[in-house]
Structure formats: structure tokens, C-alpha cells
Amino acid sequence: MSKPLSDHGSHANIGDLVKICTETGMDTGVTGVIVEVKEFYSWSMEVWRKVRLHGKLDFVEDYKVRIISKAVKHEGTGKNKDTG
């Protein structure tokens, strides 16, 4: 599957709560927290990303991800804040 040329993805990061959509934008019902992000480069140096959700083994293209909630980070350390 190739990424659409006009869509560069959600740029979600580790710790963000996201939902996964189909290529046409329909909701798949899959939600989760991103635990891993991989960047890939083509021979022409184009960059695209894939993300992995907690509890899942497979990676999903970044353009299929819609951010529900961004992770909150400590300003001093840059680490995810425990809000509980």
C-alpha cells in the first residue's frame, strides 16, 4: 500500500491517544496509545512514518491515524506526565 501524495500524516507521537481510520477516512473502531514510531525513506529521500499501538504487533501508516488526545509532557524533563 502506498501513501497518498497530498497527505503527510497526523504526526502523532509516542503517548498520544489515537484512532485508526481506513484509507477513505472511515472509522475502524480501533483506538490506542502509540508506543513506537518508525520513519522510512525512499530512494528520493521522501519520508513517511508508521506507528504501532500498545498491544498490537503490526505498524499502521501515519496517514490513517487521527489524534484523539495529545500526550502531556513535563516542561523540564520532556517525559510524559502522569496525570493520575
N, C-alpha and C. Protein backbone atom coordinates (compact mmCIF):
# COMPACT_ATOMS: atom_id res chain seq x y z
N MET A 1 0.84 -1.17 0.00
CA MET A 1 0.00 0.00 0.00
C MET A 1 0.89 1.23 0.00
N SER A 2 0.56 2.21 -0.82
CA SER A 2 1.36 3.42 -0.87
C SER A 2 0.60 4.58 -0.24
N LYS A 3 1.33 5.52 0.30
CA LYS A 3 0.70 6.66 0.96
C LYS A 3 0.24 7.67 -0.09
N PRO A 4 -0.84 8.40 0.19
CA PRO A 4 -1.27 9.41 -0.75
C PRO A 4 -0.28 10.57 -0.81
N LEU A 5 -0.07 11.13 -1.99
CA LEU A 5 0.92 12.18 -2.15
C LEU A 5 0.54 13.48 -1.45
N SER A 6 -0.75 13.74 -1.29
CA SER A 6 -1.19 15.01 -0.71
C SER A 6 -1.36 14.95 0.82
N ASP A 7 -1.22 13.79 1.43
CA ASP A 7 -1.45 13.66 2.87
C ASP A 7 -0.16 13.23 3.53
N HIS A 8 0.32 14.06 4.45
CA HIS A 8 1.60 13.77 5.10
C HIS A 8 1.46 13.12 6.46
N GLY A 9 0.26 12.78 6.86
CA GLY A 9 0.07 12.07 8.11
C GLY A 9 -0.30 12.97 9.27
N SER A 10 -0.56 12.34 10.38
CA SER A 10 -1.02 13.06 11.57
C SER A 10 0.12 13.60 12.40
N HIS A 11 1.32 13.05 12.24
CA HIS A 11 2.48 13.40 13.05
C HIS A 11 2.22 13.15 14.53
N ALA A 12 1.47 12.10 14.83
CA ALA A 12 1.24 11.69 16.21
C ALA A 12 2.55 11.15 16.78
N ASN A 13 2.74 11.33 18.06
CA ASN A 13 3.97 10.89 18.72
C ASN A 13 3.66 9.85 19.79
N ILE A 14 4.72 9.29 20.36
CA ILE A 14 4.58 8.28 21.41
C ILE A 14 3.80 8.89 22.58
N GLY A 15 2.81 8.14 23.06
CA GLY A 15 1.99 8.58 24.18
C GLY A 15 0.66 9.19 23.76
N ASP A 16 0.51 9.51 22.48
CA ASP A 16 -0.75 10.10 22.00
C ASP A 16 -1.83 9.02 21.89
N LEU A 17 -3.06 9.39 22.27
CA LEU A 17 -4.21 8.51 22.11
C LEU A 17 -4.78 8.78 20.72
N VAL A 18 -4.90 7.72 19.92
CA VAL A 18 -5.32 7.87 18.52
C VAL A 18 -6.38 6.86 18.15
N LYS A 19 -7.05 7.12 17.03
CA LYS A 19 -7.94 6.13 16.43
C LYS A 19 -7.43 5.87 15.01
N ILE A 20 -7.69 4.67 14.53
CA ILE A 20 -7.25 4.27 13.20
C ILE A 20 -8.44 4.34 12.24
N CYS A 21 -8.19 4.92 11.08
CA CYS A 21 -9.21 5.03 10.03
C CYS A 21 -8.76 4.27 8.80
N THR A 22 -9.70 4.00 7.91
CA THR A 22 -9.38 3.36 6.63
C THR A 22 -8.79 4.40 5.69
N GLU A 23 -8.39 3.95 4.50
CA GLU A 23 -7.84 4.87 3.50
C GLU A 23 -8.86 5.93 3.08
N THR A 24 -10.14 5.60 3.18
CA THR A 24 -11.18 6.55 2.80
C THR A 24 -11.65 7.41 3.96
N GLY A 25 -11.06 7.23 5.14
CA GLY A 25 -11.39 8.04 6.30
C GLY A 25 -12.46 7.48 7.22
N MET A 26 -12.92 6.27 6.94
CA MET A 26 -13.94 5.65 7.79
C MET A 26 -13.30 5.13 9.08
N ASP A 27 -14.01 5.26 10.18
CA ASP A 27 -13.52 4.80 11.48
C ASP A 27 -13.50 3.27 11.51
N THR A 28 -12.39 2.69 11.98
CA THR A 28 -12.28 1.23 12.07
C THR A 28 -12.69 0.71 13.44
N GLY A 29 -12.84 1.59 14.42
CA GLY A 29 -13.17 1.17 15.77
C GLY A 29 -11.94 0.83 16.60
N VAL A 30 -10.76 0.95 16.02
CA VAL A 30 -9.51 0.65 16.73
C VAL A 30 -8.96 1.95 17.31
N THR A 31 -8.77 1.97 18.63
CA THR A 31 -8.14 3.10 19.31
C THR A 31 -7.02 2.58 20.18
N GLY A 32 -6.07 3.43 20.49
CA GLY A 32 -4.99 3.02 21.36
C GLY A 32 -3.95 4.11 21.52
N VAL A 33 -2.94 3.81 22.32
CA VAL A 33 -1.84 4.73 22.61
C VAL A 33 -0.64 4.31 21.77
N ILE A 34 0.00 5.27 21.13
CA ILE A 34 1.17 4.99 20.31
C ILE A 34 2.36 4.67 21.21
N VAL A 35 3.03 3.55 20.92
CA VAL A 35 4.20 3.15 21.69
C VAL A 35 5.48 3.13 20.86
N GLU A 36 5.35 3.20 19.54
CA GLU A 36 6.55 3.17 18.69
C GLU A 36 6.26 3.88 17.38
N VAL A 37 7.25 4.65 16.91
CA VAL A 37 7.15 5.36 15.64
C VAL A 37 8.39 5.02 14.81
N LYS A 38 8.18 4.65 13.53
CA LYS A 38 9.29 4.37 12.62
C LYS A 38 9.19 5.28 11.42
N GLU A 39 10.33 5.80 10.98
CA GLU A 39 10.38 6.61 9.77
C GLU A 39 11.07 5.82 8.68
N PHE A 40 10.52 5.92 7.48
CA PHE A 40 11.07 5.22 6.32
C PHE A 40 11.44 6.25 5.26
N TYR A 41 12.49 5.96 4.49
CA TYR A 41 12.97 6.88 3.45
C TYR A 41 12.99 6.16 2.11
N SER A 42 12.53 6.85 1.08
CA SER A 42 12.60 6.29 -0.27
C SER A 42 13.95 6.67 -0.88
N TRP A 43 14.22 6.14 -2.06
CA TRP A 43 15.48 6.45 -2.74
C TRP A 43 15.57 7.94 -3.06
N SER A 44 14.44 8.63 -3.18
CA SER A 44 14.44 10.07 -3.47
C SER A 44 14.37 10.90 -2.19
N MET A 45 14.58 10.26 -1.05
CA MET A 45 14.63 10.89 0.27
C MET A 45 13.27 11.41 0.74
N GLU A 46 12.17 10.88 0.20
CA GLU A 46 10.86 11.16 0.76
C GLU A 46 10.74 10.39 2.06
N VAL A 47 10.06 10.98 3.02
CA VAL A 47 9.93 10.36 4.34
C VAL A 47 8.47 10.02 4.59
N TRP A 48 8.21 8.83 5.11
CA TRP A 48 6.88 8.51 5.61
C TRP A 48 7.04 7.74 6.90
N ARG A 49 5.98 7.75 7.70
CA ARG A 49 6.03 7.19 9.04
C ARG A 49 5.01 6.09 9.21
N LYS A 50 5.35 5.16 10.11
CA LYS A 50 4.40 4.15 10.56
C LYS A 50 4.43 4.14 12.08
N VAL A 51 3.28 3.87 12.68
CA VAL A 51 3.17 3.87 14.13
C VAL A 51 2.63 2.53 14.60
N ARG A 52 2.96 2.19 15.85
CA ARG A 52 2.45 0.96 16.46
C ARG A 52 1.72 1.32 17.73
N LEU A 53 0.56 0.71 17.92
CA LEU A 53 -0.24 0.94 19.12
C LEU A 53 0.08 -0.09 20.20
N HIS A 54 -0.17 0.29 21.44
CA HIS A 54 0.04 -0.61 22.58
C HIS A 54 -0.79 -1.88 22.39
N GLY A 55 -0.15 -3.03 22.54
CA GLY A 55 -0.84 -4.31 22.43
C GLY A 55 -0.96 -4.84 21.01
N LYS A 56 -0.45 -4.10 20.03
CA LYS A 56 -0.52 -4.53 18.63
C LYS A 56 0.88 -4.85 18.13
N LEU A 57 0.99 -5.81 17.23
CA LEU A 57 2.29 -6.18 16.68
C LEU A 57 2.59 -5.48 15.36
N ASP A 58 1.54 -5.11 14.63
CA ASP A 58 1.75 -4.54 13.31
C ASP A 58 1.78 -3.01 13.37
N PHE A 59 2.42 -2.41 12.35
CA PHE A 59 2.52 -0.97 12.23
C PHE A 59 1.45 -0.47 11.27
N VAL A 60 0.99 0.75 11.50
CA VAL A 60 -0.04 1.38 10.69
C VAL A 60 0.55 2.65 10.08
N GLU A 61 0.21 2.93 8.81
CA GLU A 61 0.69 4.14 8.17
C GLU A 61 0.17 5.37 8.91
N ASP A 62 1.01 6.37 9.05
CA ASP A 62 0.68 7.57 9.82
C ASP A 62 -0.53 8.31 9.27
N TYR A 63 -0.76 8.25 7.96
CA TYR A 63 -1.88 8.99 7.39
C TYR A 63 -3.24 8.37 7.75
N LYS A 64 -3.25 7.16 8.30
CA LYS A 64 -4.50 6.53 8.74
C LYS A 64 -4.83 6.83 10.21
N VAL A 65 -3.96 7.56 10.89
CA VAL A 65 -4.11 7.83 12.32
C VAL A 65 -4.76 9.20 12.52
N ARG A 66 -5.75 9.26 13.41
CA ARG A 66 -6.37 10.53 13.80
C ARG A 66 -6.15 10.69 15.31
N ILE A 67 -5.59 11.81 15.71
CA ILE A 67 -5.27 12.06 17.11
C ILE A 67 -6.54 12.39 17.88
N ILE A 68 -6.75 11.68 18.98
CA ILE A 68 -7.86 11.96 19.90
C ILE A 68 -7.37 12.89 21.00
N SER A 69 -6.19 12.57 21.56
CA SER A 69 -5.63 13.36 22.65
C SER A 69 -4.11 13.30 22.59
N LYS A 70 -3.47 14.47 22.68
CA LYS A 70 -2.01 14.53 22.70
C LYS A 70 -1.49 14.19 24.09
N ALA A 71 -0.32 13.57 24.15
CA ALA A 71 0.32 13.28 25.42
C ALA A 71 0.79 14.58 26.06
N VAL A 72 0.64 14.69 27.38
CA VAL A 72 1.09 15.86 28.12
C VAL A 72 2.50 15.56 28.61
N LYS A 73 3.40 16.52 28.42
CA LYS A 73 4.80 16.30 28.83
C LYS A 73 5.22 17.32 29.88
N HIS A 74 6.13 16.88 30.76
CA HIS A 74 6.74 17.79 31.71
C HIS A 74 7.58 18.79 30.94
N GLU A 75 7.50 20.04 31.28
CA GLU A 75 8.28 21.04 30.56
C GLU A 75 9.76 20.90 30.83
N GLY A 76 10.14 20.52 32.04
CA GLY A 76 11.55 20.44 32.38
C GLY A 76 12.24 19.19 31.85
N THR A 77 11.56 18.04 31.91
CA THR A 77 12.20 16.78 31.55
C THR A 77 11.85 16.31 30.15
N GLY A 78 10.71 16.73 29.61
CA GLY A 78 10.28 16.28 28.31
C GLY A 78 9.65 14.90 28.34
N LYS A 79 9.54 14.29 29.54
CA LYS A 79 8.94 12.97 29.66
C LYS A 79 7.43 13.10 29.84
N ASN A 80 6.71 12.02 29.52
CA ASN A 80 5.26 12.04 29.68
C ASN A 80 4.89 12.25 31.13
N LYS A 81 3.89 13.10 31.34
CA LYS A 81 3.43 13.43 32.69
C LYS A 81 2.38 12.41 33.14
N ASP A 82 2.48 11.98 34.40
CA ASP A 82 1.48 11.11 34.98
C ASP A 82 0.38 12.00 35.54
N THR A 83 -0.79 12.02 34.86
CA THR A 83 -1.86 12.90 35.30
C THR A 83 -2.81 12.24 36.28
N GLY A 84 -2.56 10.96 36.65
CA GLY A 84 -3.47 10.23 37.53
C GLY A 84 -3.16 10.31 38.93
